[in-house]
C-alpha atoms as a PDB file:
ATOM      1  CA  MET A   1     -21.863 -55.499-103.510  1.00  0.00           C
ATOM      2  CA  PRO A   2     -23.691 -57.356-106.315  1.00  0.00           C
ATOM      3  CA  ARG A   3     -20.371 -59.071-107.273  1.00  0.00           C
ATOM      4  CA  LEU A   4     -19.810 -60.396-103.784  1.00  0.00           C
ATOM      5  CA  LEU A   5     -23.564 -61.397-103.948  1.00  0.00           C
ATOM      6  CA  ARG A   6     -23.034 -63.642-107.010  1.00  0.00           C
ATOM      7  CA  VAL A   7     -19.854 -65.453-104.956  1.00  0.00           C
ATOM      8  CA  PHE A   8     -20.869 -66.783-102.262  1.00  0.00           C
ATOM      9  CA  PRO A   9     -23.680 -69.052-103.513  1.00  0.00           C
ATOM     10  CA  ASN A  10     -21.369 -69.764-106.745  1.00  0.00           C
ATOM     11  CA  ARG A  11     -20.925 -73.732-106.044  1.00  0.00           C
ATOM     12  CA  ASN A  12     -18.376 -74.002-108.810  1.00  0.00           C
ATOM     13  CA  LEU A  13     -15.625 -72.051-106.426  1.00  0.00           C
ATOM     14  CA  ALA A  14     -13.769 -73.050-103.779  1.00  0.00           C
ATOM     15  CA  THR A  15     -15.191 -73.058-100.246  1.00  0.00           C
ATOM     16  CA  VAL A  16     -12.737 -70.852 -98.936  1.00  0.00           C
ATOM     17  CA  ILE A  17     -13.264 -67.853-101.752  1.00  0.00           C
ATOM     18  CA  ARG A  18     -17.221 -68.316-101.116  1.00  0.00           C
ATOM     19  CA  SER A  19     -16.659 -68.085 -97.080  1.00  0.00           C
ATOM     20  CA  SER A  20     -14.223 -65.173 -97.817  1.00  0.00           C
ATOM     21  CA  SER A  21     -16.598 -63.166 -99.875  1.00  0.00           C
ATOM     22  CA  LEU A  22     -19.409 -63.813 -96.769  1.00  0.00           C
ATOM     23  CA  SER A  23     -16.292 -62.450 -94.514  1.00  0.00           C
ATOM     24  CA  ILE A  24     -16.133 -59.208 -96.542  1.00  0.00           C
ATOM     25  CA  LEU A  25     -19.760 -58.315 -96.388  1.00  0.00           C
ATOM     26  CA  ALA A  26     -19.745 -59.223 -92.554  1.00  0.00           C
ATOM     27  CA  THR A  27     -17.063 -56.625 -92.116  1.00  0.00           C
ATOM     28  CA  CYS A  28     -19.243 -54.206 -94.531  1.00  0.00           C
ATOM     29  CA  ALA A  29     -22.115 -55.186 -91.961  1.00  0.00           C
ATOM     30  CA  ASP A  30     -19.893 -54.208 -88.740  1.00  0.00           C
ATOM     31  CA  THR A  31     -18.426 -51.201 -90.278  1.00  0.00           C
ATOM     32  CA  GLU A  32     -21.483 -49.391 -91.796  1.00  0.00           C
ATOM     33  CA  TRP A  33     -24.799 -51.535 -91.959  1.00  0.00           C
ATOM     34  CA  ARG A  34     -26.576 -49.096 -93.753  1.00  0.00           C
ATOM     35  CA  ALA A  35     -24.757 -49.523 -97.025  1.00  0.00           C
ATOM     36  CA  LEU A  36     -26.256 -52.964 -96.966  1.00  0.00           C
ATOM     37  CA  LEU A  37     -29.690 -51.711 -96.578  1.00  0.00           C
ATOM     38  CA  PRO A  38     -30.923 -52.336-100.451  1.00  0.00           C
ATOM     39  CA  TRP A  39     -29.846 -55.993 -99.845  1.00  0.00           C
ATOM     40  CA  SER A  40     -29.997 -56.662 -96.279  1.00  0.00           C
ATOM     41  CA  ASN A  41     -33.359 -59.171 -96.898  1.00  0.00           C
ATOM     42  CA  ASP A  42     -31.592 -61.059 -99.736  1.00  0.00           C
ATOM     43  CA  LEU A  43     -28.509 -61.645 -97.909  1.00  0.00           C
ATOM     44  CA  ILE A  44     -29.873 -62.767 -94.824  1.00  0.00           C
ATOM     45  CA  ALA A  45     -32.319 -65.058 -96.356  1.00  0.00           C
ATOM     46  CA  SER A  46     -29.160 -66.657 -98.687  1.00  0.00           C
ATOM     47  CA  CYS A  47     -27.467 -67.140 -95.242  1.00  0.00           C
ATOM     48  CA  LEU A  48     -30.274 -68.398 -93.822  1.00  0.00           C
ATOM     49  CA  ASP A  49     -31.076 -70.814 -96.514  1.00  0.00           C
ATOM     50  CA  LEU A  50     -27.340 -71.874 -96.698  1.00  0.00           C
ATOM     51  CA  LEU A  51     -27.558 -73.027 -93.131  1.00  0.00           C
ATOM     52  CA  ARG A  52     -30.891 -74.551 -93.578  1.00  0.00           C
ATOM     53  CA  LEU A  53     -29.767 -76.862 -96.449  1.00  0.00           C
ATOM     54  CA  GLU A  54     -26.141 -77.102 -95.772  1.00  0.00           C
ATOM     55  CA  SER A  55     -26.111 -77.770 -92.005  1.00  0.00           C
ATOM     56  CA  VAL A  56     -24.698 -81.155 -91.319  1.00  0.00           C
ATOM     57  CA  SER A  57     -26.575 -82.967 -88.027  1.00  0.00           C
ATOM     58  CA  HIS A  58     -25.405 -85.073 -85.775  1.00  0.00           C
ATOM     59  CA  GLN A  59     -26.055 -88.702 -86.683  1.00  0.00           C
ATOM     60  CA  PRO A  60     -28.321 -89.993 -83.637  1.00  0.00           C
ATOM     61  CA  THR A  61     -26.930 -93.027 -82.112  1.00  0.00           C
ATOM     62  CA  SER A  62     -28.625 -96.133 -80.921  1.00  0.00           C
ATOM     63  CA  GLU A  63     -27.802 -99.669 -79.547  1.00  0.00           C
ATOM     64  CA  SER A  64     -27.688-101.997 -82.876  1.00  0.00           C
ATOM     65  CA  ASN A  65     -26.465-105.634 -83.755  1.00  0.00           C
ATOM     66  CA  PRO A  66     -22.732-105.852 -84.203  1.00  0.00           C
ATOM     67  CA  SER A  67     -22.926-105.684 -87.702  1.00  0.00           C
ATOM     68  CA  ASP A  68     -24.353-102.428 -87.489  1.00  0.00           C
ATOM     69  CA  LYS A  69     -21.577-101.236 -85.242  1.00  0.00           C
ATOM     70  CA  LEU A  70     -19.211-102.892 -87.919  1.00  0.00           C
ATOM     71  CA  ASN A  71     -20.943-100.445 -90.357  1.00  0.00           C
ATOM     72  CA  GLU A  72     -20.766 -97.565 -88.173  1.00  0.00           C
ATOM     73  CA  ASP A  73     -17.018 -97.887 -87.452  1.00  0.00           C
ATOM     74  CA  ASN A  74     -16.744 -97.964 -91.367  1.00  0.00           C
ATOM     75  CA  GLU A  75     -18.390 -94.963 -91.552  1.00  0.00           C
ATOM     76  CA  GLU A  76     -16.340 -93.144 -88.745  1.00  0.00           C
ATOM     77  CA  ARG A  77     -13.146 -94.232 -90.606  1.00  0.00           C
ATOM     78  CA  ASP A  78     -14.743 -92.649 -93.919  1.00  0.00           C
ATOM     79  CA  ASP A  79     -15.721 -89.309 -92.117  1.00  0.00           C
ATOM     80  CA  GLU A  80     -12.351 -89.234 -90.816  1.00  0.00           C
ATOM     81  CA  GLN A  81     -10.738 -89.801 -94.363  1.00  0.00           C
ATOM     82  CA  THR A  82     -13.284 -87.057 -95.627  1.00  0.00           C
ATOM     83  CA  PRO A  83     -11.043 -84.039 -96.436  1.00  0.00           C
ATOM     84  CA  THR A  84     -14.267 -81.929 -95.743  1.00  0.00           C
ATOM     85  CA  THR A  85     -12.506 -80.324 -92.540  1.00  0.00           C
ATOM     86  CA  ASN A  86      -9.131 -80.099 -94.031  1.00  0.00           C
ATOM     87  CA  GLU A  87      -9.572 -78.776 -97.531  1.00  0.00           C
ATOM     88  CA  PRO A  88     -11.421 -75.652 -97.882  1.00  0.00           C
ATOM     89  CA  THR A  89      -9.939 -75.246-101.129  1.00  0.00           C
ATOM     90  CA  ARG A  90     -12.431 -77.762-102.505  1.00  0.00           C
ATOM     91  CA  ILE A  91     -15.027 -76.857-105.373  1.00  0.00           C
ATOM     92  CA  ASN A  92     -18.713 -77.913-104.745  1.00  0.00           C
ATOM     93  CA  ASP A  93     -18.273 -78.708-100.788  1.00  0.00           C
ATOM     94  CA  SER A  94     -21.027 -76.583 -99.393  1.00  0.00           C
ATOM     95  CA  LYS A  95     -20.866 -78.931 -96.679  1.00  0.00           C
ATOM     96  CA  HIS A  96     -17.606 -77.683 -95.189  1.00  0.00           C
ATOM     97  CA  PRO A  97     -17.811 -75.802 -91.987  1.00  0.00           C
ATOM     98  CA  ALA A  98     -16.017 -72.709 -93.040  1.00  0.00           C
ATOM     99  CA  LEU A  99     -19.150 -71.704 -94.935  1.00  0.00           C
ATOM    100  CA  ARG A 100     -21.594 -72.052 -92.454  1.00  0.00           C
ATOM    101  CA  ARG A 101     -19.316 -70.411 -89.952  1.00  0.00           C
ATOM    102  CA  ALA A 102     -18.980 -67.747 -92.252  1.00  0.00           C
ATOM    103  CA  ALA A 103     -22.695 -67.055 -92.689  1.00  0.00           C
ATOM    104  CA  LEU A 104     -23.170 -67.078 -88.913  1.00  0.00           C
ATOM    105  CA  VAL A 105     -20.737 -64.685 -88.538  1.00  0.00           C
ATOM    106  CA  PHE A 106     -22.289 -62.163 -91.045  1.00  0.00           C
ATOM    107  CA  LEU A 107     -25.587 -63.100 -89.664  1.00  0.00           C
ATOM    108  CA  GLY A 108     -24.182 -62.041 -86.249  1.00  0.00           C
ATOM    109  CA  LEU A 109     -22.543 -58.939 -87.048  1.00  0.00           C
ATOM    110  CA  ILE A 110     -25.563 -57.528 -89.012  1.00  0.00           C
ATOM    111  CA  PHE A 111     -28.067 -58.318 -86.131  1.00  0.00           C
ATOM    112  CA  ASP A 112     -25.796 -57.129 -83.783  1.00  0.00           C
ATOM    113  CA  ALA A 113     -25.316 -53.842 -86.005  1.00  0.00           C
ATOM    114  CA  LEU A 114     -29.116 -53.296 -86.103  1.00  0.00           C
ATOM    115  CA  ALA A 115     -29.696 -54.077 -82.413  1.00  0.00           C
ATOM    116  CA  LYS A 116     -27.221 -51.327 -81.448  1.00  0.00           C
ATOM    117  CA  ALA A 117     -28.584 -49.026 -84.106  1.00  0.00           C
ATOM    118  CA  ALA A 118     -32.330 -49.427 -82.553  1.00  0.00           C
ATOM    119  CA  ALA A 119     -30.988 -48.870 -79.124  1.00  0.00           C
ATOM    120  CA  GLU A 120     -29.206 -45.900 -79.955  1.00  0.00           C
ATOM    121  CA  ALA A 121     -32.638 -44.935 -82.025  1.00  0.00           C
ATOM    122  CA  LEU A 122     -34.294 -45.509 -78.870  1.00  0.00           C
ATOM    123  CA  GLU A 123     -32.014 -43.477 -76.801  1.00  0.00           C
ATOM    124  CA  ALA A 124     -31.850 -40.541 -78.864  1.00  0.00           C
ATOM    125  CA  GLN A 125     -35.911 -40.571 -78.550  1.00  0.00           C
ATOM    126  CA  THR A 126     -35.793 -40.742 -75.337  1.00  0.00           C
ATOM    127  CA  ALA A 127     -33.335 -37.966 -74.832  1.00  0.00           C
ATOM    128  CA  ARG A 128     -35.404 -35.392 -76.954  1.00  0.00           C
ATOM    129  CA  HIS A 129     -38.827 -36.413 -74.856  1.00  0.00           C
ATOM    130  CA  PRO A 130     -37.540 -36.555 -71.307  1.00  0.00           C
ATOM    131  CA  GLU A 131     -40.966 -35.611 -69.241  1.00  0.00           C
ATOM    132  CA  ILE A 132     -43.420 -37.819 -68.662  1.00  0.00           C
ATOM    133  CA  ARG A 133     -46.359 -38.040 -70.558  1.00  0.00           C
ATOM    134  CA  MET A 134     -49.852 -39.670 -70.213  1.00  0.00           C
ATOM    135  CA  THR A 135     -50.528 -40.961 -73.696  1.00  0.00           C
ATOM    136  CA  THR A 136     -52.963 -43.922 -74.743  1.00  0.00           C
ATOM    137  CA  THR A 137     -50.823 -44.917 -77.688  1.00  0.00           C
ATOM    138  CA  ARG A 138     -47.811 -46.661 -77.451  1.00  0.00           C
ATOM    139  CA  HIS A 139     -44.411 -44.785 -78.148  1.00  0.00           C
ATOM    140  CA  THR A 140     -42.326 -46.582 -80.806  1.00  0.00           C
ATOM    141  CA  VAL A 141     -38.998 -45.504 -82.928  1.00  0.00           C
ATOM    142  CA  SER A 142     -40.819 -44.756 -85.991  1.00  0.00           C
ATOM    143  CA  ALA A 143     -38.193 -45.954 -88.340  1.00  0.00           C
ATOM    144  CA  THR A 144     -36.362 -48.567 -86.282  1.00  0.00           C
ATOM    145  CA  PRO A 145     -33.190 -49.726 -87.635  1.00  0.00           C
ATOM    146  CA  SER A 146     -35.024 -53.311 -87.143  1.00  0.00           C
ATOM    147  CA  ALA A 147     -37.676 -52.333 -89.404  1.00  0.00           C
ATOM    148  CA  ALA A 148     -34.996 -52.475 -92.741  1.00  0.00           C
ATOM    149  CA  VAL A 149     -35.335 -56.411 -92.326  1.00  0.00           C
ATOM    150  CA  ASP A 150     -38.345 -58.477 -92.781  1.00  0.00           C
ATOM    151  CA  PRO A 151     -39.944 -59.340 -89.504  1.00  0.00           C
ATOM    152  CA  SER A 152     -40.870 -62.835 -91.080  1.00  0.00           C
ATOM    153  CA  LEU A 153     -36.928 -63.196 -91.586  1.00  0.00           C
ATOM    154  CA  ILE A 154     -35.921 -62.541 -87.828  1.00  0.00           C
ATOM    155  CA  THR A 155     -38.582 -65.568 -86.549  1.00  0.00           C
ATOM    156  CA  SER A 156     -37.062 -67.644 -89.679  1.00  0.00           C
ATOM    157  CA  ALA A 157     -33.451 -66.636 -88.185  1.00  0.00           C
ATOM    158  CA  LYS A 158     -34.563 -67.773 -84.300  1.00  0.00           C
ATOM    159  CA  THR A 159     -36.026 -71.032 -85.483  1.00  0.00           C
ATOM    160  CA  VAL A 160     -32.658 -72.053 -87.986  1.00  0.00           C
ATOM    161  CA  LEU A 161     -30.392 -70.533 -85.445  1.00  0.00           C
ATOM    162  CA  ASN A 162     -32.034 -72.520 -82.551  1.00  0.00           C
ATOM    163  CA  TYR A 163     -31.862 -75.748 -84.577  1.00  0.00           C
ATOM    164  CA  ILE A 164     -28.347 -75.249 -85.718  1.00  0.00           C
ATOM    165  CA  LYS A 165     -27.282 -74.443 -82.101  1.00  0.00           C
ATOM    166  CA  HIS A 166     -28.597 -77.649 -80.980  1.00  0.00           C
ATOM    167  CA  THR A 167     -27.723 -79.829 -83.974  1.00  0.00           C
ATOM    168  CA  ASP A 168     -25.218 -78.870 -85.675  1.00  0.00           C
ATOM    169  CA  VAL A 169     -21.926 -81.373 -85.543  1.00  0.00           C
ATOM    170  CA  ASP A 170     -19.270 -78.306 -85.806  1.00  0.00           C
ATOM    171  CA  SER A 171     -19.106 -77.383 -82.128  1.00  0.00           C
ATOM    172  CA  LEU A 172     -17.797 -74.016 -83.531  1.00  0.00           C
ATOM    173  CA  ALA A 173     -20.660 -73.178 -85.666  1.00  0.00           C
ATOM    174  CA  ALA A 174     -23.169 -74.457 -82.998  1.00  0.00           C
ATOM    175  CA  HIS A 175     -21.701 -71.960 -80.451  1.00  0.00           C
ATOM    176  CA  GLN A 176     -21.761 -69.106 -83.256  1.00  0.00           C
ATOM    177  CA  ALA A 177     -25.591 -70.076 -83.471  1.00  0.00           C
ATOM    178  CA  GLY A 178     -25.868 -69.953 -80.094  1.00  0.00           C
ATOM    179  CA  GLU A 179     -24.581 -66.093 -79.721  1.00  0.00           C
ATOM    180  CA  VAL A 180     -26.859 -64.970 -82.921  1.00  0.00           C
ATOM    181  CA  VAL A 181     -29.700 -66.265 -80.907  1.00  0.00           C
ATOM    182  CA  GLN A 182     -28.606 -63.901 -78.062  1.00  0.00           C
ATOM    183  CA  ILE A 183     -28.049 -60.812 -80.236  1.00  0.00           C
ATOM    184  CA  LEU A 184     -31.457 -61.777 -81.789  1.00  0.00           C
ATOM    185  CA  ARG A 185     -32.937 -61.360 -78.367  1.00  0.00           C
ATOM    186  CA  GLN A 186     -32.055 -57.648 -78.110  1.00  0.00           C
ATOM    187  CA  LEU A 187     -33.688 -56.664 -81.305  1.00  0.00           C
ATOM    188  CA  PRO A 188     -36.919 -54.698 -80.680  1.00  0.00           C
ATOM    189  CA  MET A 189     -39.945 -56.643 -82.327  1.00  0.00           C
END
């Protein structure tokens, strides 16, 4: 695990290798999320930082004079010639959508695993105590799986993912962010 944690933040590696390390971590989260518990807060924070810092937002368009239109046309041509979307093998290319997509897949799978585990824990607790009781204290699951993640990270994730959902230039990353937001709504807080 520590080796994978050193790969995806390393800007000296190709984007495809960095995103691959996140994909392997996502597979770990999907297979057995408990294996990631010692590093879960760091992993989630790192992915959120990556999304926060490396997102590419839509450029606002406004009506402008013809010379600005010419500059915009040149910028569009420059964007078309940029190998960012075509070459995930480049080094020091953190703005590549593959890296953001891998971070979003990881976040989606870890949050989904936590939500499912929390639902199972709640169901198991309800199965143990099927009778109705009047109490003045609120029933909560004592060691909920979502407690494994710092609540401030969940709040931060909602903010960052909503921003990515509405502004990211990569439509797949924006869609993935929306799906992760839906998963976050299932987490008990």
